[in-house]
Amino acid sequence: MQNQRNLILAVLLTILLIFGWDSAMRYMYPEANKPHAAAAGPAASQAAGQPGAPAADPARADKPTREGGLSNPADVALEAKDLATALNPAGRVPIAAPGLSGSINLTGALVDDLVTPRHTASIEKNSGPARIFSPAGTPAQQFAQVGWAGANVPAPTAQTVWTAPAGAKLTPATPVTLTWANGQGQTFAITYAIDNDYLITIKQAVTNAGPAPVSVQPIAQVNRTDKTASVST
């Protein structure tokens, strides 16, 4: 009998808790579930013009990002046209790896053509791989460049045409070394290696066969256009 009484009491308390909790909360916090009125358009516009209110930046309204690529249809069309011209295989070393593919530009030894075979450019069917780097002069220009700075030493520039071994192809199993001699006893070399994913390693070296010591400093940079630059917040 005592057990039955306890069971009935437990059931009653449970029902009271289930149905009484919501009522109690509404009584104690009457404003909690009321929707907040959205600011009307004219009022919001007026507030924006008041002193201290942040001004809208029209230049940031439709700013594209590298994640989203080019957003202007004219730029997208021009990018495709420019790539067809810029990616002339005669002056390039192909890159073929599971995570990355593209080519190295022998003019300047630039890594300026990279796409990701594992990721598509968009959700559209047959959109092709997502592009990371594009050559100089294209709307989505972005590339990596290494070089040297030295005093009284002719060093390679972005216009220098490098020499690659015959049939060279950068793969995870085959690193590639480009060379250039300045005619005064110094030979510059850049060795590229790539893994199975997304890492490209670059090593720089200088051989001096001249009559005097030379001093050079390796430099590196990534060049990009603001058409695909991320917006700072």
Foldseek 3Di string as FASTA:
>chain_A
DVVVVVVVVVVVVVVCCVVVVVVVCCVVCVCPPDDDDDDDDVVVVVVCPDPPHDHDDPVPPPQAALLLPFDDPVLVVQLVVVQVVPQDVVQWAWEDAQQWTFTAGQQQRKAAWIFGQVAANDPDPPRGTRTDGHDPPRPWHKIKGKWKDWDPDDTHDSRDGWDWPPPHHAYQVGKTKTWDDPPQFKIKIWIWHDHRHDDIDIDIDMDGPHPDDTDMDMDMDMDGDSSHHDDDD
